[in-house]
Amino acid sequence: MMRIGIVGLLLVMALLGYSCKQAQDIKAFTEAQYSLQGVSDIKLNGIDVEERIQTRQGFTHEERDSLLATITSNSLQVSSTLALHVTLKDAAEEERNLTITKLRWLLFVDGEEALAGTIDETLVLQEGLNKLPIETPVGLAEADSQPSYTGLSRLITLLGQRSDIRQHVTLKIKPTIKTPVGDIESPAFITVTKPAAAVASL
């Protein structure tokens, strides 16, 4: 997959005569601030996590062992709805949007990289609040080319304790952007900030 900087991409588009608005849209979203307002409808291999948290049931030891086994074998599937807020740097009279064809993500728990995955579906972002239904496989983070269990262990412990984990996790994303000259992957991960007032279901 072709990987070039945003400045290079905009130059290529200009040279090929593509619309100024398309170039401006891409530039606006690459400079935007992203904040995770909420995560809802969370299911891990069919287990309704949101219901467990609301009813304060937590995970049984068997379920925690099963989830760990599926993660280590790269067979865990997560589905949820992300409430992602996009704040563009400069306001525009025309509506702006950005089409993402793939989204790589990393989840950190208390600074430790825990989980990683890729959303292989088309997502369209607009300024303001975006509610994105997603499904993604989940794998363990790696350290020195070896699976790292530290972050995952911390995450499972927090869930088992029925803790509010929103202040413990950090999400980073690396989108692949649809452009008239082909799909372009962002050269670096973007840190998704936490909202000032946590409203997530997670």
Protein backbone atom coordinates (compact mmCIF):
# COMPACT_ATOMS: atom_id res chain seq x y z
CA MET A 1 0.00 0.00 0.00
CA MET A 2 1.26 3.42 -0.95
CA ARG A 3 2.29 5.56 2.01
CA ILE A 4 3.05 9.23 1.49
CA GLY A 5 2.78 12.36 3.60
CA ILE A 6 -0.28 14.57 3.48
CA VAL A 7 1.66 17.40 1.84
CA GLY A 8 2.82 15.04 -0.90
CA LEU A 9 -0.70 13.72 -1.37
CA LEU A 10 -2.16 17.20 -1.75
CA LEU A 11 0.57 18.10 -4.24
CA VAL A 12 -0.14 15.01 -6.33
CA MET A 13 -3.86 15.78 -6.33
CA ALA A 14 -3.19 19.37 -7.36
CA LEU A 15 -0.91 18.28 -10.19
CA LEU A 16 -3.48 15.81 -11.45
CA GLY A 17 -6.16 18.49 -11.42
CA TYR A 18 -8.48 17.12 -8.77
CA SER A 19 -10.92 19.44 -7.03
CA CYS A 20 -9.69 21.88 -4.44
CA LYS A 21 -12.50 20.80 -2.09
CA GLN A 22 -11.33 17.16 -2.04
CA ALA A 23 -7.83 18.24 -1.12
CA GLN A 24 -9.15 20.63 1.52
CA ASP A 25 -11.37 17.92 3.03
CA ILE A 26 -8.43 15.54 3.41
CA LYS A 27 -6.23 18.25 4.90
CA ALA A 28 -8.98 19.32 7.33
CA PHE A 29 -9.54 15.82 8.68
CA THR A 30 -5.85 15.01 9.01
CA GLU A 31 -5.45 18.14 11.16
CA ALA A 32 -8.66 17.54 13.15
CA GLN A 33 -8.96 16.60 16.81
CA TYR A 34 -10.62 13.26 17.55
CA SER A 35 -12.25 12.42 20.87
CA LEU A 36 -13.96 9.23 21.94
CA GLN A 37 -17.32 10.24 23.42
CA GLY A 38 -18.64 6.77 24.04
CA VAL A 39 -18.58 3.06 23.31
CA SER A 40 -21.84 1.12 23.37
CA ASP A 41 -23.36 -2.20 22.30
CA ILE A 42 -20.08 -3.95 23.13
CA LYS A 43 -19.97 -7.67 22.48
CA LEU A 44 -16.96 -9.96 22.87
CA ASN A 45 -17.55 -13.22 21.00
CA GLY A 46 -21.25 -12.69 21.56
CA ILE A 47 -21.00 -11.81 25.27
CA ASP A 48 -22.93 -8.59 25.93
CA VAL A 49 -20.37 -6.59 27.93
CA GLU A 50 -22.62 -3.55 28.39
CA GLU A 51 -25.35 -5.67 29.99
CA ARG A 52 -22.82 -7.29 32.33
CA ILE A 53 -21.55 -3.91 33.49
CA GLN A 54 -25.04 -2.45 33.96
CA THR A 55 -26.22 -5.45 36.00
CA ARG A 56 -22.90 -5.55 37.88
CA GLN A 57 -22.42 -9.21 37.05
CA GLY A 58 -18.84 -8.92 35.84
CA PHE A 59 -17.14 -11.89 34.15
CA THR A 60 -16.94 -15.35 35.60
CA HIS A 61 -13.53 -17.02 35.88
CA GLU A 62 -14.53 -19.35 33.03
CA GLU A 63 -15.48 -16.44 30.78
CA ARG A 64 -12.26 -14.58 31.54
CA ASP A 65 -10.24 -17.70 30.72
CA SER A 66 -12.24 -18.20 27.51
CA LEU A 67 -11.72 -14.59 26.41
CA LEU A 68 -8.00 -14.85 27.09
CA ALA A 69 -7.80 -18.07 25.06
CA THR A 70 -9.56 -16.54 22.05
CA ILE A 71 -7.35 -13.44 22.16
CA THR A 72 -4.14 -15.46 22.30
CA SER A 73 -5.34 -17.54 19.35
CA ASN A 74 -6.39 -14.40 17.43
CA SER A 75 -10.00 -15.59 17.25
CA LEU A 76 -11.69 -12.92 19.39
CA GLN A 77 -14.30 -10.80 17.60
CA VAL A 78 -15.48 -7.47 18.97
CA SER A 79 -18.54 -5.57 17.81
CA SER A 80 -19.62 -2.20 19.15
CA THR A 81 -20.74 1.31 18.27
CA LEU A 82 -18.16 4.06 18.61
CA ALA A 83 -19.25 7.63 19.30
CA LEU A 84 -16.34 9.54 17.77
CA HIS A 85 -16.37 13.33 17.84
CA VAL A 86 -14.44 15.18 15.15
CA THR A 87 -13.47 18.82 15.66
CA LEU A 88 -12.08 20.48 12.55
CA LYS A 89 -9.39 23.08 13.01
CA ASP A 90 -11.06 25.67 10.76
CA ALA A 91 -14.79 26.04 10.23
CA ALA A 92 -16.05 25.82 6.66
CA GLU A 93 -19.30 26.87 5.02
CA GLU A 94 -19.45 23.65 3.00
CA GLU A 95 -19.99 20.30 4.67
CA ARG A 96 -16.81 18.25 4.83
CA ASN A 97 -16.50 14.49 4.97
CA LEU A 98 -13.80 11.88 4.77
CA THR A 99 -14.10 8.27 3.60
CA ILE A 100 -11.93 5.73 5.43
CA THR A 101 -11.51 2.31 3.83
CA LYS A 102 -9.54 0.71 6.66
CA LEU A 103 -8.78 1.65 10.25
CA ARG A 104 -5.92 0.17 12.26
CA TRP A 105 -6.22 0.70 16.01
CA LEU A 106 -4.26 0.20 19.22
CA LEU A 107 -5.65 0.11 22.75
CA PHE A 108 -3.44 1.09 25.68
CA VAL A 109 -4.29 0.36 29.32
CA ASP A 110 -2.48 2.51 31.89
CA GLY A 111 0.16 3.23 29.26
CA GLU A 112 0.69 -0.42 28.33
CA GLU A 113 -0.17 -1.42 24.76
CA ALA A 114 -2.80 -4.13 25.21
CA LEU A 115 -4.77 -4.94 22.07
CA ALA A 116 -4.61 -4.26 18.35
CA GLY A 117 -6.88 -4.78 15.39
CA THR A 118 -8.04 -3.60 11.99
CA ILE A 119 -11.51 -2.47 10.94
CA ASP A 120 -11.87 -3.58 7.33
CA GLU A 121 -15.00 -1.67 6.41
CA THR A 122 -15.80 1.70 4.90
CA LEU A 123 -16.47 4.48 7.40
CA VAL A 124 -17.53 8.02 6.51
CA LEU A 125 -16.56 10.77 8.96
CA GLN A 126 -18.21 14.16 9.26
CA GLU A 127 -17.55 17.10 11.53
CA GLY A 128 -19.24 16.65 14.91
CA LEU A 129 -20.45 13.40 16.43
CA ASN A 130 -20.10 10.22 14.37
CA LYS A 131 -21.75 6.99 15.51
CA LEU A 132 -19.82 4.18 13.87
CA PRO A 133 -21.00 0.54 14.11
CA ILE A 134 -17.87 -1.59 13.82
CA GLU A 135 -16.74 -5.18 13.96
CA THR A 136 -13.10 -6.05 14.31
CA PRO A 137 -10.84 -8.98 15.11
CA VAL A 138 -8.63 -8.44 18.14
CA GLY A 139 -5.07 -9.57 18.70
CA LEU A 140 -2.50 -9.14 21.42
CA ALA A 141 -0.02 -6.31 21.33
CA GLU A 142 3.58 -7.35 20.74
CA ALA A 143 6.82 -6.49 22.48
CA ASP A 144 10.08 -7.49 20.77
CA SER A 145 8.04 -9.56 18.28
CA GLN A 146 6.50 -11.56 21.14
CA PRO A 147 2.90 -11.38 22.44
CA SER A 148 2.59 -9.05 25.43
CA TYR A 149 0.04 -9.98 28.10
CA THR A 150 0.62 -7.08 30.53
CA GLY A 151 -1.94 -4.65 29.13
CA LEU A 152 -4.51 -7.36 28.50
CA SER A 153 -4.17 -8.71 32.03
CA ARG A 154 -4.74 -5.23 33.43
CA LEU A 155 -7.81 -4.75 31.22
CA ILE A 156 -9.38 -8.07 32.25
CA THR A 157 -8.70 -7.28 35.91
CA LEU A 158 -10.45 -3.91 35.61
CA LEU A 159 -13.45 -5.49 33.89
CA GLY A 160 -13.60 -8.26 36.47
CA GLN A 161 -13.59 -5.65 39.24
CA ARG A 162 -16.50 -3.88 37.54
CA SER A 163 -14.34 -0.76 37.47
CA ASP A 164 -14.98 2.30 35.33
CA ILE A 165 -12.11 1.80 32.90
CA ARG A 166 -12.62 4.96 30.85
CA GLN A 167 -9.80 6.83 32.57
CA HIS A 168 -7.44 3.88 32.20
CA VAL A 169 -7.56 3.36 28.43
CA THR A 170 -6.16 5.27 25.45
CA LEU A 171 -7.13 4.60 21.84
CA LYS A 172 -4.90 5.30 18.85
CA ILE A 173 -6.05 5.02 15.23
CA LYS A 174 -4.32 4.89 11.86
CA PRO A 175 -6.82 5.43 9.03
CA THR A 176 -6.46 4.57 5.38
CA ILE A 177 -8.07 7.42 3.45
CA LYS A 178 -9.91 7.07 0.15
CA THR A 179 -8.63 9.60 -2.38
CA PRO A 180 -8.96 10.09 -6.15
CA VAL A 181 -5.38 8.83 -6.56
CA GLY A 182 -5.84 5.69 -4.47
CA ASP A 183 -6.07 4.65 -0.84
CA ILE A 184 -3.49 6.39 1.35
CA GLU A 185 -2.59 5.23 4.87
CA SER A 186 -1.84 7.87 7.47
CA PRO A 187 1.92 7.92 8.15
CA ALA A 188 1.40 7.87 11.94
CA PHE A 189 -1.13 6.84 14.58
CA ILE A 190 -3.54 9.51 15.82
CA THR A 191 -4.28 9.62 19.56
CA VAL A 192 -8.00 9.80 20.27
CA THR A 193 -8.48 12.03 23.29
CA LYS A 194 -10.93 11.49 26.14
CA PRO A 195 -13.92 13.82 26.52
CA ALA A 196 -13.87 16.24 29.43
CA ALA A 197 -16.96 14.59 30.88
CA ALA A 198 -16.98 10.85 30.31
CA VAL A 199 -20.27 9.69 28.88
CA ALA A 200 -19.28 6.28 27.55
CA SER A 201 -21.03 3.08 28.40
CA LEU A 202 -17.67 1.32 28.71
